[in-house]
């Protein structure tokens, strides 16, 4: 039986999620955001890698600072990134989220910032 190279292959989008640091503030009054890596397949790849599986992610990234942020995070986490092409003029997905208490969170995805 041949040795398998990976335990898990995830395919799909990678994004940068910007969460408000001003919990409970209306969106127009937010003063700063924290940046986190997002996208379901990306989160699955990172989570399974942290559990000890050999994870690979197939996802396109922009050739820009957001792409650098995502790529460096994934490499640091040990997710295999060799199948992640960097594309010029590729608009990354950016999710802006405000935390509204006590009802939970509401997500805002500005139009024109994502391309599939």
N, C-alpha and C. Protein backbone atom coordinates (compact mmCIF):
# COMPACT_ATOMS: atom_id res chain seq x y z
N UNK A 1 0.84 -1.18 0.00
CA UNK A 1 0.00 0.00 0.00
C UNK A 1 0.89 1.25 0.00
N UNK A 2 0.59 2.18 -0.88
CA UNK A 2 1.38 3.40 -0.98
C UNK A 2 1.12 4.32 0.21
N UNK A 3 2.17 5.03 0.62
CA UNK A 3 2.04 5.99 1.71
C UNK A 3 1.31 7.23 1.20
N UNK A 4 0.30 7.67 1.90
CA UNK A 4 -0.42 8.86 1.48
C UNK A 4 0.34 10.12 1.93
N UNK A 5 0.27 11.13 1.11
CA UNK A 5 0.99 12.37 1.42
C UNK A 5 0.26 13.25 2.41
N UNK A 6 -1.08 13.24 2.35
CA UNK A 6 -1.87 14.13 3.20
C UNK A 6 -3.05 13.37 3.80
N UNK A 7 -3.49 13.83 4.94
CA UNK A 7 -4.68 13.27 5.56
C UNK A 7 -5.94 13.99 5.10
N UNK A 8 -5.80 15.26 4.75
CA UNK A 8 -6.97 16.08 4.42
C UNK A 8 -6.64 17.10 3.35
N UNK A 9 -7.52 17.22 2.37
CA UNK A 9 -7.43 18.27 1.36
C UNK A 9 -8.69 19.12 1.47
N UNK A 10 -8.51 20.40 1.71
CA UNK A 10 -9.64 21.34 1.74
C UNK A 10 -9.53 22.26 0.54
N UNK A 11 -10.67 22.56 -0.08
CA UNK A 11 -10.68 23.45 -1.25
C UNK A 11 -11.72 24.54 -1.03
N UNK A 12 -11.38 25.77 -1.38
CA UNK A 12 -12.34 26.86 -1.28
C UNK A 12 -11.65 28.16 -0.92
N UNK A 13 -12.47 29.09 -0.49
CA UNK A 13 -11.96 30.45 -0.29
C UNK A 13 -11.20 30.62 1.02
N UNK A 14 -10.26 31.53 0.97
CA UNK A 14 -9.56 32.02 2.15
C UNK A 14 -9.89 33.50 2.25
N UNK A 15 -10.07 33.98 3.46
CA UNK A 15 -10.43 35.39 3.61
C UNK A 15 -9.76 35.98 4.83
N UNK A 16 -9.85 37.29 4.91
CA UNK A 16 -9.43 37.99 6.10
C UNK A 16 -10.70 38.50 6.77
N UNK A 17 -10.88 38.14 8.03
CA UNK A 17 -12.04 38.57 8.81
C UNK A 17 -11.59 39.69 9.74
N UNK A 18 -12.26 40.80 9.65
CA UNK A 18 -11.94 41.95 10.50
C UNK A 18 -13.04 42.12 11.54
N UNK A 19 -12.70 41.78 12.79
CA UNK A 19 -13.66 41.86 13.89
C UNK A 19 -13.47 43.16 14.65
N UNK A 20 -14.56 43.79 14.97
CA UNK A 20 -14.51 45.03 15.73
C UNK A 20 -13.90 44.79 17.10
N UNK A 21 -13.00 45.67 17.50
CA UNK A 21 -12.45 45.63 18.85
C UNK A 21 -13.35 46.38 19.83
N UNK A 22 -14.34 47.12 19.31
CA UNK A 22 -15.25 47.91 20.13
C UNK A 22 -16.56 47.15 20.28
N UNK A 23 -16.57 46.17 21.17
CA UNK A 23 -17.75 45.32 21.34
C UNK A 23 -18.93 46.15 21.81
N UNK A 24 -20.06 45.98 21.10
CA UNK A 24 -21.28 46.68 21.44
C UNK A 24 -21.44 48.04 20.79
N UNK A 25 -20.39 48.55 20.16
CA UNK A 25 -20.48 49.87 19.51
C UNK A 25 -21.20 49.74 18.17
N UNK A 26 -22.02 50.73 17.81
CA UNK A 26 -22.62 50.72 16.47
C UNK A 26 -21.51 50.75 15.41
N UNK A 27 -21.80 50.19 14.26
CA UNK A 27 -20.76 50.07 13.23
C UNK A 27 -20.12 51.41 12.88
N UNK A 28 -20.90 52.46 12.86
CA UNK A 28 -20.37 53.78 12.50
C UNK A 28 -19.44 54.35 13.57
N UNK A 29 -19.43 53.75 14.76
CA UNK A 29 -18.58 54.26 15.84
C UNK A 29 -17.39 53.35 16.16
N UNK A 30 -17.18 52.33 15.35
CA UNK A 30 -16.05 51.43 15.56
C UNK A 30 -14.76 52.16 15.25
N UNK A 31 -13.77 51.99 16.13
CA UNK A 31 -12.50 52.68 15.95
C UNK A 31 -11.36 51.77 15.50
N UNK A 32 -11.52 50.45 15.70
CA UNK A 32 -10.45 49.55 15.27
C UNK A 32 -10.98 48.12 15.10
N UNK A 33 -10.23 47.36 14.32
CA UNK A 33 -10.58 45.97 14.04
C UNK A 33 -9.38 45.07 14.30
N UNK A 34 -9.64 43.83 14.67
CA UNK A 34 -8.61 42.81 14.76
C UNK A 34 -8.70 41.95 13.50
N UNK A 35 -7.56 41.57 12.95
CA UNK A 35 -7.53 40.79 11.71
C UNK A 35 -7.31 39.32 12.02
N UNK A 36 -8.14 38.47 11.41
CA UNK A 36 -8.06 37.02 11.60
C UNK A 36 -8.23 36.32 10.27
N UNK A 37 -7.67 35.12 10.16
CA UNK A 37 -7.82 34.32 8.96
C UNK A 37 -9.20 33.65 8.99
N UNK A 38 -9.88 33.63 7.85
CA UNK A 38 -11.21 33.05 7.78
C UNK A 38 -11.43 32.26 6.51
N UNK A 39 -12.66 31.81 6.35
CA UNK A 39 -13.04 30.95 5.24
C UNK A 39 -13.13 29.53 5.75
N UNK A 40 -14.24 28.87 5.52
CA UNK A 40 -14.47 27.54 6.07
C UNK A 40 -13.35 26.54 5.74
N UNK A 41 -12.96 26.37 4.46
CA UNK A 41 -11.91 25.38 4.19
C UNK A 41 -10.57 25.75 4.84
N UNK A 42 -10.32 27.04 4.96
CA UNK A 42 -9.09 27.50 5.59
C UNK A 42 -9.12 27.16 7.08
N UNK A 43 -10.24 27.42 7.73
CA UNK A 43 -10.37 27.11 9.15
C UNK A 43 -10.28 25.60 9.40
N UNK A 44 -10.87 24.81 8.51
CA UNK A 44 -10.80 23.34 8.65
C UNK A 44 -9.35 22.87 8.51
N UNK A 45 -8.63 23.43 7.55
CA UNK A 45 -7.22 23.05 7.35
C UNK A 45 -6.39 23.36 8.59
N UNK A 46 -6.58 24.53 9.15
CA UNK A 46 -5.82 24.94 10.34
C UNK A 46 -6.21 24.07 11.53
N UNK A 47 -7.50 23.87 11.74
CA UNK A 47 -7.97 23.08 12.88
C UNK A 47 -7.47 21.64 12.84
N UNK A 48 -7.53 21.03 11.66
CA UNK A 48 -7.09 19.64 11.56
C UNK A 48 -5.57 19.54 11.68
N UNK A 49 -4.87 20.56 11.22
CA UNK A 49 -3.40 20.57 11.39
C UNK A 49 -3.05 20.65 12.87
N UNK A 50 -3.77 21.49 13.60
CA UNK A 50 -3.54 21.62 15.04
C UNK A 50 -3.83 20.31 15.77
N UNK A 51 -4.69 19.47 15.18
CA UNK A 51 -4.99 18.17 15.77
C UNK A 51 -4.00 17.09 15.34
N UNK A 52 -3.01 17.48 14.53
CA UNK A 52 -1.96 16.56 14.15
C UNK A 52 -2.08 15.93 12.78
N UNK A 53 -3.12 16.28 12.01
CA UNK A 53 -3.26 15.73 10.67
C UNK A 53 -2.40 16.50 9.68
N UNK A 54 -2.05 15.85 8.59
CA UNK A 54 -1.31 16.52 7.51
C UNK A 54 -2.32 17.15 6.57
N UNK A 55 -2.48 18.46 6.67
CA UNK A 55 -3.52 19.19 5.94
C UNK A 55 -2.94 19.98 4.78
N UNK A 56 -3.68 19.98 3.67
CA UNK A 56 -3.30 20.79 2.51
C UNK A 56 -4.52 21.62 2.12
N UNK A 57 -4.26 22.85 1.70
CA UNK A 57 -5.33 23.77 1.30
C UNK A 57 -5.14 24.16 -0.16
N UNK A 58 -6.21 24.02 -0.92
CA UNK A 58 -6.22 24.46 -2.32
C UNK A 58 -7.11 25.69 -2.38
N UNK A 59 -6.49 26.85 -2.52
CA UNK A 59 -7.21 28.12 -2.50
C UNK A 59 -6.35 29.16 -3.20
N UNK A 60 -6.95 30.03 -3.97
CA UNK A 60 -6.21 31.10 -4.61
C UNK A 60 -6.07 32.30 -3.68
N UNK A 61 -4.94 32.98 -3.77
CA UNK A 61 -4.70 34.18 -2.97
C UNK A 61 -4.26 35.31 -3.88
N UNK A 62 -4.59 36.52 -3.47
CA UNK A 62 -4.11 37.67 -4.21
C UNK A 62 -2.62 37.88 -3.98
N UNK A 63 -1.98 38.51 -4.93
CA UNK A 63 -0.57 38.86 -4.80
C UNK A 63 -0.49 40.25 -4.17
N UNK A 64 -0.91 40.33 -2.91
CA UNK A 64 -0.99 41.61 -2.21
C UNK A 64 -0.74 41.37 -0.73
N UNK A 65 -0.89 42.41 0.08
CA UNK A 65 -0.62 42.29 1.52
C UNK A 65 -1.59 41.35 2.23
N UNK A 66 -2.85 41.31 1.80
CA UNK A 66 -3.81 40.38 2.40
C UNK A 66 -3.39 38.95 2.08
N UNK A 67 -3.00 38.69 0.85
CA UNK A 67 -2.50 37.37 0.48
C UNK A 67 -1.27 36.98 1.29
N UNK A 68 -0.37 37.95 1.51
CA UNK A 68 0.82 37.70 2.34
C UNK A 68 0.41 37.33 3.76
N UNK A 69 -0.55 38.06 4.32
CA UNK A 69 -1.04 37.81 5.68
C UNK A 69 -1.57 36.39 5.80
N UNK A 70 -2.42 35.99 4.85
CA UNK A 70 -3.02 34.65 4.87
C UNK A 70 -1.96 33.57 4.67
N UNK A 71 -1.09 33.77 3.70
CA UNK A 71 -0.06 32.78 3.37
C UNK A 71 0.89 32.55 4.54
N UNK A 72 1.35 33.63 5.16
CA UNK A 72 2.28 33.51 6.28
C UNK A 72 1.63 32.83 7.48
N UNK A 73 0.36 33.13 7.74
CA UNK A 73 -0.35 32.49 8.83
C UNK A 73 -0.43 30.98 8.60
N UNK A 74 -0.82 30.59 7.40
CA UNK A 74 -0.97 29.17 7.07
C UNK A 74 0.37 28.43 7.15
N UNK A 75 1.42 29.05 6.67
CA UNK A 75 2.74 28.43 6.76
C UNK A 75 3.17 28.26 8.21
N UNK A 76 2.91 29.27 9.02
CA UNK A 76 3.25 29.21 10.44
C UNK A 76 2.48 28.09 11.15
N UNK A 77 1.24 27.85 10.71
CA UNK A 77 0.41 26.80 11.30
C UNK A 77 0.79 25.40 10.79
N UNK A 78 1.59 25.34 9.74
CA UNK A 78 2.01 24.06 9.20
C UNK A 78 1.09 23.47 8.15
N UNK A 79 0.17 24.28 7.63
CA UNK A 79 -0.71 23.83 6.55
C UNK A 79 0.09 23.87 5.25
N UNK A 80 -0.03 22.83 4.45
CA UNK A 80 0.67 22.78 3.16
C UNK A 80 0.10 23.84 2.22
N UNK A 81 0.97 24.71 1.70
CA UNK A 81 0.52 25.84 0.89
C UNK A 81 1.00 25.79 -0.57
N UNK A 82 1.62 24.70 -0.97
CA UNK A 82 2.19 24.68 -2.32
C UNK A 82 1.14 24.66 -3.43
N UNK A 83 -0.12 24.40 -3.09
CA UNK A 83 -1.19 24.37 -4.09
C UNK A 83 -2.04 25.64 -4.03
N UNK A 84 -1.44 26.73 -3.57
CA UNK A 84 -2.16 27.99 -3.42
C UNK A 84 -1.53 29.04 -4.35
N UNK A 85 -2.04 29.15 -5.57
CA UNK A 85 -1.48 30.14 -6.49
C UNK A 85 -1.74 31.56 -6.01
N UNK A 86 -0.78 32.44 -6.28
CA UNK A 86 -0.92 33.86 -6.00
C UNK A 86 -1.28 34.54 -7.32
N UNK A 87 -2.38 35.30 -7.32
CA UNK A 87 -2.85 35.90 -8.57
C UNK A 87 -2.87 37.42 -8.45
N UNK A 88 -2.32 38.05 -9.45
CA UNK A 88 -2.35 39.50 -9.53
C UNK A 88 -3.76 39.97 -9.83
N UNK A 89 -4.15 41.10 -9.29
CA UNK A 89 -5.48 41.68 -9.50
C UNK A 89 -6.61 40.77 -8.99
N UNK A 90 -6.32 39.95 -8.01
CA UNK A 90 -7.32 39.08 -7.39
C UNK A 90 -7.78 39.76 -6.11
N UNK A 91 -9.07 40.09 -6.06
CA UNK A 91 -9.60 40.79 -4.88
C UNK A 91 -9.93 39.78 -3.79
N UNK A 92 -9.24 39.84 -2.67
CA UNK A 92 -9.52 38.90 -1.59
C UNK A 92 -10.85 39.23 -0.91
N UNK A 93 -11.43 38.20 -0.30
CA UNK A 93 -12.66 38.40 0.47
C UNK A 93 -12.28 39.05 1.80
N UNK A 94 -12.99 40.11 2.12
CA UNK A 94 -12.80 40.79 3.41
C UNK A 94 -14.15 40.84 4.10
N UNK A 95 -14.22 40.25 5.28
CA UNK A 95 -15.46 40.26 6.04
C UNK A 95 -15.31 41.20 7.22
N UNK A 96 -16.22 42.17 7.33
CA UNK A 96 -16.22 43.10 8.45
C UNK A 96 -17.34 42.69 9.40
N UNK A 97 -17.01 42.50 10.67
CA UNK A 97 -18.01 42.05 11.63
C UNK A 97 -18.03 42.95 12.85
N UNK A 98 -19.25 43.27 13.26
CA UNK A 98 -19.43 43.99 14.51
C UNK A 98 -20.10 43.05 15.50
N UNK A 99 -19.74 43.15 16.75
CA UNK A 99 -20.35 42.31 17.78
C UNK A 99 -21.40 43.13 18.49
N UNK A 100 -22.65 42.71 18.35
CA UNK A 100 -23.77 43.42 18.96
C UNK A 100 -24.27 42.62 20.15
N UNK A 101 -24.22 43.21 21.30
CA UNK A 101 -24.68 42.55 22.52
C UNK A 101 -26.11 42.96 22.81
N UNK A 102 -26.96 42.13 23.37
CA UNK A 102 -26.75 40.73 23.75
C UNK A 102 -27.19 39.75 22.67
N UNK A 103 -27.52 40.21 21.49
CA UNK A 103 -28.11 39.33 20.47
C UNK A 103 -27.11 38.52 19.67
N UNK A 104 -25.84 38.78 19.78
CA UNK A 104 -24.84 38.02 19.01
C UNK A 104 -24.11 38.91 18.04
N UNK A 105 -23.72 38.36 16.90
CA UNK A 105 -22.95 39.14 15.94
C UNK A 105 -23.69 39.29 14.63
N UNK A 106 -23.40 40.36 13.94
CA UNK A 106 -23.96 40.56 12.60
C UNK A 106 -22.80 40.80 11.65
N UNK A 107 -22.86 40.18 10.51
CA UNK A 107 -21.77 40.29 9.55
C UNK A 107 -22.10 41.26 8.43
N UNK A 108 -21.13 42.03 8.04
CA UNK A 108 -21.29 42.96 6.93
C UNK A 108 -20.22 42.64 5.90
N UNK A 109 -20.62 42.35 4.69
CA UNK A 109 -19.68 42.09 3.61
C UNK A 109 -19.88 43.19 2.57
N UNK A 110 -18.98 44.16 2.53
CA UNK A 110 -19.15 45.27 1.60
C UNK A 110 -19.21 44.82 0.15
N UNK A 111 -20.11 45.38 -0.64
CA UNK A 111 -20.22 44.99 -2.04
C UNK A 111 -18.96 45.34 -2.81
N UNK A 112 -18.65 44.52 -3.79
CA UNK A 112 -17.52 44.81 -4.66
C UNK A 112 -16.18 44.36 -4.13
N UNK A 113 -16.11 43.84 -2.91
CA UNK A 113 -14.83 43.44 -2.35
C UNK A 113 -14.54 41.96 -2.51
N UNK A 114 -15.49 41.21 -3.05
CA UNK A 114 -15.21 39.79 -3.23
C UNK A 114 -15.53 39.36 -4.65
N UNK A 115 -14.70 38.48 -5.15
CA UNK A 115 -14.85 37.93 -6.49
C UNK A 115 -14.65 36.44 -6.42
N UNK A 116 -15.58 35.66 -6.96
CA UNK A 116 -15.44 34.20 -6.93
C UNK A 116 -15.07 33.70 -8.30
